[in-house]
Amino acid sequence: MKLLMTTATAVLIASQAFAGSYEVRCETKKVPYQEVVKGGSPEKVIGGALVGGVIGKVVTDKNAGAAAGAIVGGVIANETSKKTVTKYREVETCTNVFIPERITDEEKLQEVLLDLNEGKSVSKEITMDAQYTIGVAYDGKWGPKSRLAAEKYLANLEPDAPLYSLVVNDVVIVSSADVNAIDEIKEALLEAGVASQIFVDLQ
């Protein structure tokens, strides 16, 4: 059973092979935290001691009582003057980051782009490799910009070349760099009683 599991894992890795690789990257950040600081300003402590001394002397009418009262008053002033301050400590965090690379196998790249544009399941790593290869932001999410860039790549168009799409009822019928061909199809559909619209670089 262990041999079968190992073989299955190897097959899975081979089928999900990607050009990029993972790399551990670390960074150090200053993270704030709260800390309670004991002891207040000297004037508060002294003031508390004086008040405590007066109270102690009045209550006991003795100097010993005054001394005890002064100590108690100082302690109370010291305790009540605690405050919370914000401090910072350095924390290192490390993450496993995927670094994409170009897919050099042209047939493999075209297959991946077609799968992605058709909404088929493709791993995040391969998606990022494909995005990096065709020159769009490689976030692993196949959105409208990635889809448009893939269509231009598959049509052998420059990234800044316009791509015309013929749309009927919110469905793309055909896309091409040849606006005349798109216009002819639109006219043919119109003669058949089907209204359509032409969009440029539809996303």
C-alpha atoms as a PDB file:
ATOM      1  CA  MET A   1       0.000   0.000   0.000  1.00  0.00           C
ATOM      2  CA  LYS A   2       2.859   2.388   0.848  1.00  0.00           C
ATOM      3  CA  LEU A   3       4.465   1.713  -2.558  1.00  0.00           C
ATOM      4  CA  LEU A   4       1.186   2.449  -4.334  1.00  0.00           C
ATOM      5  CA  MET A   5       0.776   5.728  -2.454  1.00  0.00           C
ATOM      6  CA  THR A   6       4.319   6.792  -3.337  1.00  0.00           C
ATOM      7  CA  THR A   7       3.731   5.981  -6.996  1.00  0.00           C
ATOM      8  CA  ALA A   8       0.458   7.887  -7.023  1.00  0.00           C
ATOM      9  CA  THR A   9       2.170  10.907  -5.467  1.00  0.00           C
ATOM     10  CA  ALA A  10       4.922  10.820  -8.086  1.00  0.00           C
ATOM     11  CA  VAL A  11       2.374  10.678 -10.893  1.00  0.00           C
ATOM     12  CA  LEU A  12       0.476  13.614  -9.401  1.00  0.00           C
ATOM     13  CA  ILE A  13       3.634  15.714  -9.176  1.00  0.00           C
ATOM     14  CA  ALA A  14       4.573  14.843 -12.749  1.00  0.00           C
ATOM     15  CA  SER A  15       1.129  15.782 -14.055  1.00  0.00           C
ATOM     16  CA  GLN A  16       1.275  19.100 -12.197  1.00  0.00           C
ATOM     17  CA  ALA A  17       4.852  19.935 -13.256  1.00  0.00           C
ATOM     18  CA  PHE A  18       5.542  23.643 -13.437  1.00  0.00           C
ATOM     19  CA  ALA A  19       8.480  25.742 -14.564  1.00  0.00           C
ATOM     20  CA  GLY A  20       8.758  27.912 -11.454  1.00  0.00           C
ATOM     21  CA  SER A  21       9.917  26.962  -7.990  1.00  0.00           C
ATOM     22  CA  TYR A  22       9.223  27.719  -4.336  1.00  0.00           C
ATOM     23  CA  GLU A  23      11.571  29.850  -2.293  1.00  0.00           C
ATOM     24  CA  VAL A  24      11.546  30.704   1.409  1.00  0.00           C
ATOM     25  CA  ARG A  25      11.647  34.453   1.951  1.00  0.00           C
ATOM     26  CA  CYS A  26      11.935  36.121   5.360  1.00  0.00           C
ATOM     27  CA  GLU A  27      11.386  39.669   6.523  1.00  0.00           C
ATOM     28  CA  THR A  28      11.661  41.445   9.853  1.00  0.00           C
ATOM     29  CA  LYS A  29       8.887  43.765  10.985  1.00  0.00           C
ATOM     30  CA  LYS A  30       8.397  45.895  14.079  1.00  0.00           C
ATOM     31  CA  VAL A  31       5.227  44.684  15.801  1.00  0.00           C
ATOM     32  CA  PRO A  32       3.528  46.901  18.419  1.00  0.00           C
ATOM     33  CA  TYR A  33       2.455  45.537  21.789  1.00  0.00           C
ATOM     34  CA  GLN A  34       0.992  47.014  24.974  1.00  0.00           C
ATOM     35  CA  GLU A  35       2.807  47.004  28.314  1.00  0.00           C
ATOM     36  CA  VAL A  36       1.723  48.313  31.723  1.00  0.00           C
ATOM     37  CA  VAL A  37       4.422  50.469  33.298  1.00  0.00           C
ATOM     38  CA  LYS A  38       4.485  50.682  37.109  1.00  0.00           C
ATOM     39  CA  GLY A  39       5.389  53.827  38.991  1.00  0.00           C
ATOM     40  CA  GLY A  40       4.276  57.298  38.153  1.00  0.00           C
ATOM     41  CA  SER A  41       5.944  60.644  38.102  1.00  0.00           C
ATOM     42  CA  PRO A  42       7.975  61.615  41.214  1.00  0.00           C
ATOM     43  CA  GLU A  43       5.632  64.486  42.076  1.00  0.00           C
ATOM     44  CA  LYS A  44       2.660  62.078  42.298  1.00  0.00           C
ATOM     45  CA  VAL A  45       4.524  59.698  44.577  1.00  0.00           C
ATOM     46  CA  ILE A  46       5.801  62.527  46.810  1.00  0.00           C
ATOM     47  CA  GLY A  47       2.359  64.129  46.884  1.00  0.00           C
ATOM     48  CA  GLY A  48       0.774  60.850  47.897  1.00  0.00           C
ATOM     49  CA  ALA A  49       3.344  60.369  50.630  1.00  0.00           C
ATOM     50  CA  LEU A  50       2.714  63.851  52.073  1.00  0.00           C
ATOM     51  CA  VAL A  51      -1.057  63.368  52.091  1.00  0.00           C
ATOM     52  CA  GLY A  52      -0.629  59.928  53.644  1.00  0.00           C
ATOM     53  CA  GLY A  53       1.662  61.382  56.296  1.00  0.00           C
ATOM     54  CA  VAL A  54      -0.824  64.088  57.283  1.00  0.00           C
ATOM     55  CA  ILE A  55      -3.669  61.583  57.497  1.00  0.00           C
ATOM     56  CA  GLY A  56      -1.542  59.159  59.493  1.00  0.00           C
ATOM     57  CA  LYS A  57      -0.522  61.833  61.997  1.00  0.00           C
ATOM     58  CA  VAL A  58      -4.067  63.096  62.446  1.00  0.00           C
ATOM     59  CA  VAL A  59      -5.436  59.604  62.968  1.00  0.00           C
ATOM     60  CA  THR A  60      -2.727  58.406  65.379  1.00  0.00           C
ATOM     61  CA  ASP A  61      -1.436  61.770  66.578  1.00  0.00           C
ATOM     62  CA  LYS A  62       2.029  60.242  66.597  1.00  0.00           C
ATOM     63  CA  ASN A  63       5.051  60.600  64.369  1.00  0.00           C
ATOM     64  CA  ALA A  64       5.116  56.824  63.889  1.00  0.00           C
ATOM     65  CA  GLY A  65       1.621  57.016  62.507  1.00  0.00           C
ATOM     66  CA  ALA A  66       2.700  59.804  60.194  1.00  0.00           C
ATOM     67  CA  ALA A  67       5.579  57.705  58.863  1.00  0.00           C
ATOM     68  CA  ALA A  68       3.289  54.728  58.288  1.00  0.00           C
ATOM     69  CA  GLY A  69       0.738  56.960  56.607  1.00  0.00           C
ATOM     70  CA  ALA A  70       3.417  58.421  54.360  1.00  0.00           C
ATOM     71  CA  ILE A  71       4.497  54.977  53.212  1.00  0.00           C
ATOM     72  CA  VAL A  72       0.926  53.904  52.535  1.00  0.00           C
ATOM     73  CA  GLY A  73       0.173  57.152  50.705  1.00  0.00           C
ATOM     74  CA  GLY A  74       3.249  56.763  48.531  1.00  0.00           C
ATOM     75  CA  VAL A  75       2.319  53.204  47.638  1.00  0.00           C
ATOM     76  CA  ILE A  76      -1.233  54.212  46.698  1.00  0.00           C
ATOM     77  CA  ALA A  77       0.012  57.083  44.545  1.00  0.00           C
ATOM     78  CA  ASN A  78       2.492  54.766  42.893  1.00  0.00           C
ATOM     79  CA  GLU A  79      -0.174  52.133  42.137  1.00  0.00           C
ATOM     80  CA  THR A  80      -2.742  54.583  40.808  1.00  0.00           C
ATOM     81  CA  SER A  81      -0.205  56.132  38.451  1.00  0.00           C
ATOM     82  CA  LYS A  82       0.316  52.964  36.402  1.00  0.00           C
ATOM     83  CA  LYS A  83      -0.133  53.491  32.680  1.00  0.00           C
ATOM     84  CA  THR A  84      -0.206  51.432  29.464  1.00  0.00           C
ATOM     85  CA  VAL A  85       2.419  52.267  26.881  1.00  0.00           C
ATOM     86  CA  THR A  86       2.983  51.001  23.348  1.00  0.00           C
ATOM     87  CA  LYS A  87       6.316  49.328  22.669  1.00  0.00           C
ATOM     88  CA  TYR A  88       7.727  47.546  19.636  1.00  0.00           C
ATOM     89  CA  ARG A  89       9.577  44.312  19.134  1.00  0.00           C
ATOM     90  CA  GLU A  90      11.139  42.874  15.986  1.00  0.00           C
ATOM     91  CA  VAL A  91       9.469  39.736  14.638  1.00  0.00           C
ATOM     92  CA  GLU A  92      10.812  37.688  11.744  1.00  0.00           C
ATOM     93  CA  THR A  93       8.239  36.015   9.500  1.00  0.00           C
ATOM     94  CA  CYS A  94       9.077  33.546   6.746  1.00  0.00           C
ATOM     95  CA  THR A  95       6.806  32.462   3.899  1.00  0.00           C
ATOM     96  CA  ASN A  96       7.110  29.935   1.112  1.00  0.00           C
ATOM     97  CA  VAL A  97       6.808  32.033  -2.059  1.00  0.00           C
ATOM     98  CA  PHE A  98       6.307  30.668  -5.572  1.00  0.00           C
ATOM     99  CA  ILE A  99       8.626  32.257  -8.149  1.00  0.00           C
ATOM    100  CA  PRO A 100       7.194  31.739 -11.667  1.00  0.00           C
ATOM    101  CA  GLU A 101       9.271  31.092 -14.782  1.00  0.00           C
ATOM    102  CA  ARG A 102       8.566  31.030 -18.494  1.00  0.00           C
ATOM    103  CA  ILE A 103       6.976  27.964 -20.036  1.00  0.00           C
ATOM    104  CA  THR A 104       9.402  27.208 -22.872  1.00  0.00           C
ATOM    105  CA  ASP A 105       7.412  24.314 -24.330  1.00  0.00           C
ATOM    106  CA  GLU A 106       5.184  26.088 -26.882  1.00  0.00           C
ATOM    107  CA  GLU A 107       2.709  23.216 -27.219  1.00  0.00           C
ATOM    108  CA  LYS A 108       2.398  22.944 -23.449  1.00  0.00           C
ATOM    109  CA  LEU A 109       1.848  26.703 -23.148  1.00  0.00           C
ATOM    110  CA  GLN A 110      -0.881  26.743 -25.803  1.00  0.00           C
ATOM    111  CA  GLU A 111      -2.588  23.793 -24.138  1.00  0.00           C
ATOM    112  CA  VAL A 112      -2.504  25.541 -20.750  1.00  0.00           C
ATOM    113  CA  LEU A 113      -3.834  28.828 -22.199  1.00  0.00           C
ATOM    114  CA  LEU A 114      -6.705  27.058 -23.938  1.00  0.00           C
ATOM    115  CA  ASP A 115      -7.568  25.149 -20.747  1.00  0.00           C
ATOM    116  CA  LEU A 116      -7.545  28.339 -18.705  1.00  0.00           C
ATOM    117  CA  ASN A 117      -9.690  30.259 -21.192  1.00  0.00           C
ATOM    118  CA  GLU A 118     -12.163  27.385 -21.248  1.00  0.00           C
ATOM    119  CA  GLY A 119     -12.419  27.470 -17.457  1.00  0.00           C
ATOM    120  CA  LYS A 120     -10.762  24.101 -16.881  1.00  0.00           C
ATOM    121  CA  SER A 121      -9.011  23.338 -13.600  1.00  0.00           C
ATOM    122  CA  VAL A 122      -5.329  24.325 -13.674  1.00  0.00           C
ATOM    123  CA  SER A 123      -3.017  24.529 -10.662  1.00  0.00           C
ATOM    124  CA  LYS A 124      -2.153  27.951  -9.284  1.00  0.00           C
ATOM    125  CA  GLU A 125       1.546  27.386 -10.000  1.00  0.00           C
ATOM    126  CA  ILE A 126       1.010  26.579 -13.690  1.00  0.00           C
ATOM    127  CA  THR A 127      -1.400  29.508 -13.975  1.00  0.00           C
ATOM    128  CA  MET A 128       1.258  31.841 -12.593  1.00  0.00           C
ATOM    129  CA  ASP A 129       3.844  30.406 -15.006  1.00  0.00           C
ATOM    130  CA  ALA A 130       1.439  31.020 -17.915  1.00  0.00           C
ATOM    131  CA  GLN A 131       0.701  34.566 -16.756  1.00  0.00           C
ATOM    132  CA  TYR A 132       4.399  35.322 -16.412  1.00  0.00           C
ATOM    133  CA  THR A 133       5.064  33.924 -19.902  1.00  0.00           C
ATOM    134  CA  ILE A 134       2.417  36.024 -21.674  1.00  0.00           C
ATOM    135  CA  GLY A 135       3.267  39.165 -19.714  1.00  0.00           C
ATOM    136  CA  VAL A 136       0.421  39.767 -17.263  1.00  0.00           C
ATOM    137  CA  ALA A 137       0.351  40.047 -13.479  1.00  0.00           C
ATOM    138  CA  TYR A 138       1.037  36.581 -12.070  1.00  0.00           C
ATOM    139  CA  ASP A 139      -1.348  36.262  -9.145  1.00  0.00           C
ATOM    140  CA  GLY A 140      -2.630  32.790 -10.005  1.00  0.00           C
ATOM    141  CA  LYS A 141      -6.134  34.119 -10.733  1.00  0.00           C
ATOM    142  CA  TRP A 142      -7.289  33.855 -14.342  1.00  0.00           C
ATOM    143  CA  GLY A 143      -9.325  37.014 -14.840  1.00  0.00           C
ATOM    144  CA  PRO A 144     -10.415  39.079 -17.869  1.00  0.00           C
ATOM    145  CA  LYS A 145      -6.970  40.633 -18.450  1.00  0.00           C
ATOM    146  CA  SER A 146      -5.272  37.243 -18.411  1.00  0.00           C
ATOM    147  CA  ARG A 147      -7.911  35.820 -20.751  1.00  0.00           C
ATOM    148  CA  LEU A 148      -7.473  38.708 -23.227  1.00  0.00           C
ATOM    149  CA  ALA A 149      -3.676  38.411 -23.145  1.00  0.00           C
ATOM    150  CA  ALA A 150      -4.000  34.666 -23.798  1.00  0.00           C
ATOM    151  CA  GLU A 151      -6.294  35.253 -26.775  1.00  0.00           C
ATOM    152  CA  LYS A 152      -3.811  37.711 -28.264  1.00  0.00           C
ATOM    153  CA  TYR A 153      -0.929  35.319 -27.655  1.00  0.00           C
ATOM    154  CA  LEU A 154      -2.765  32.435 -29.304  1.00  0.00           C
ATOM    155  CA  ALA A 155      -3.625  34.694 -32.259  1.00  0.00           C
ATOM    156  CA  ASN A 156       0.057  35.700 -32.582  1.00  0.00           C
ATOM    157  CA  LEU A 157      -0.775  39.326 -31.814  1.00  0.00           C
ATOM    158  CA  GLU A 158       1.374  41.885 -30.062  1.00  0.00           C
ATOM    159  CA  PRO A 159       0.171  42.683 -26.510  1.00  0.00           C
ATOM    160  CA  ASP A 160      -0.869  46.202 -27.558  1.00  0.00           C
ATOM    161  CA  ALA A 161      -2.571  45.099 -30.795  1.00  0.00           C
ATOM    162  CA  PRO A 162      -6.397  45.419 -30.818  1.00  0.00           C
ATOM    163  CA  LEU A 163      -8.500  42.271 -30.657  1.00  0.00           C
ATOM    164  CA  TYR A 164     -12.030  42.508 -32.052  1.00  0.00           C
ATOM    165  CA  SER A 165     -14.792  40.351 -30.607  1.00  0.00           C
ATOM    166  CA  LEU A 166     -18.267  39.772 -32.038  1.00  0.00           C
ATOM    167  CA  VAL A 167     -20.854  39.394 -29.280  1.00  0.00           C
ATOM    168  CA  VAL A 168     -24.429  38.110 -29.543  1.00  0.00           C
ATOM    169  CA  ASN A 169     -26.578  38.155 -26.390  1.00  0.00           C
ATOM    170  CA  ASP A 170     -23.509  38.594 -24.150  1.00  0.00           C
ATOM    171  CA  VAL A 171     -21.806  35.587 -25.775  1.00  0.00           C
ATOM    172  CA  VAL A 172     -18.547  35.978 -27.717  1.00  0.00           C
ATOM    173  CA  ILE A 173     -19.079  34.391 -31.145  1.00  0.00           C
ATOM    174  CA  VAL A 174     -15.635  35.006 -32.595  1.00  0.00           C
ATOM    175  CA  SER A 175     -12.520  37.084 -31.887  1.00  0.00           C
ATOM    176  CA  SER A 176      -9.975  38.239 -34.427  1.00  0.00           C
ATOM    177  CA  ALA A 177      -7.430  40.942 -35.193  1.00  0.00           C
ATOM    178  CA  ASP A 178      -9.069  41.386 -38.619  1.00  0.00           C
ATOM    179  CA  VAL A 179     -11.853  43.901 -38.067  1.00  0.00           C
ATOM    180  CA  ASN A 180     -13.039  43.508 -41.672  1.00  0.00           C
ATOM    181  CA  ALA A 181     -13.642  39.794 -41.182  1.00  0.00           C
ATOM    182  CA  ILE A 182     -15.533  40.484 -37.954  1.00  0.00           C
ATOM    183  CA  ASP A 183     -17.619  43.145 -39.717  1.00  0.00           C
ATOM    184  CA  GLU A 184     -18.513  40.733 -42.552  1.00  0.00           C
ATOM    185  CA  ILE A 185     -19.759  38.178 -40.034  1.00  0.00           C
ATOM    186  CA  LYS A 186     -21.784  40.893 -38.302  1.00  0.00           C
ATOM    187  CA  GLU A 187     -23.437  41.871 -41.592  1.00  0.00           C
ATOM    188  CA  ALA A 188     -24.232  38.233 -42.385  1.00  0.00           C
ATOM    189  CA  LEU A 189     -25.834  37.790 -38.976  1.00  0.00           C
ATOM    190  CA  LEU A 190     -27.828  40.978 -39.444  1.00  0.00           C
ATOM    191  CA  GLU A 191     -29.204  39.695 -42.762  1.00  0.00           C
ATOM    192  CA  ALA A 192     -30.283  36.561 -40.903  1.00  0.00           C
ATOM    193  CA  GLY A 193     -32.082  38.721 -38.349  1.00  0.00           C
ATOM    194  CA  VAL A 194     -29.512  38.381 -35.572  1.00  0.00           C
ATOM    195  CA  ALA A 195     -28.231  41.569 -33.953  1.00  0.00           C
ATOM    196  CA  SER A 196     -24.629  41.618 -32.744  1.00  0.00           C
ATOM    197  CA  GLN A 197     -22.030  44.021 -31.408  1.00  0.00           C
ATOM    198  CA  ILE A 198     -18.297  44.448 -31.991  1.00  0.00           C
ATOM    199  CA  PHE A 199     -16.043  45.094 -28.969  1.00  0.00           C
ATOM    200  CA  VAL A 200     -12.359  45.951 -28.900  1.00  0.00           C
ATOM    201  CA  ASP A 201     -10.179  44.201 -26.318  1.00  0.00           C
ATOM    202  CA  LEU A 202     -13.204  42.789 -24.521  1.00  0.00           C
ATOM    203  CA  GLN A 203     -12.467  42.002 -20.878  1.00  0.00           C
END
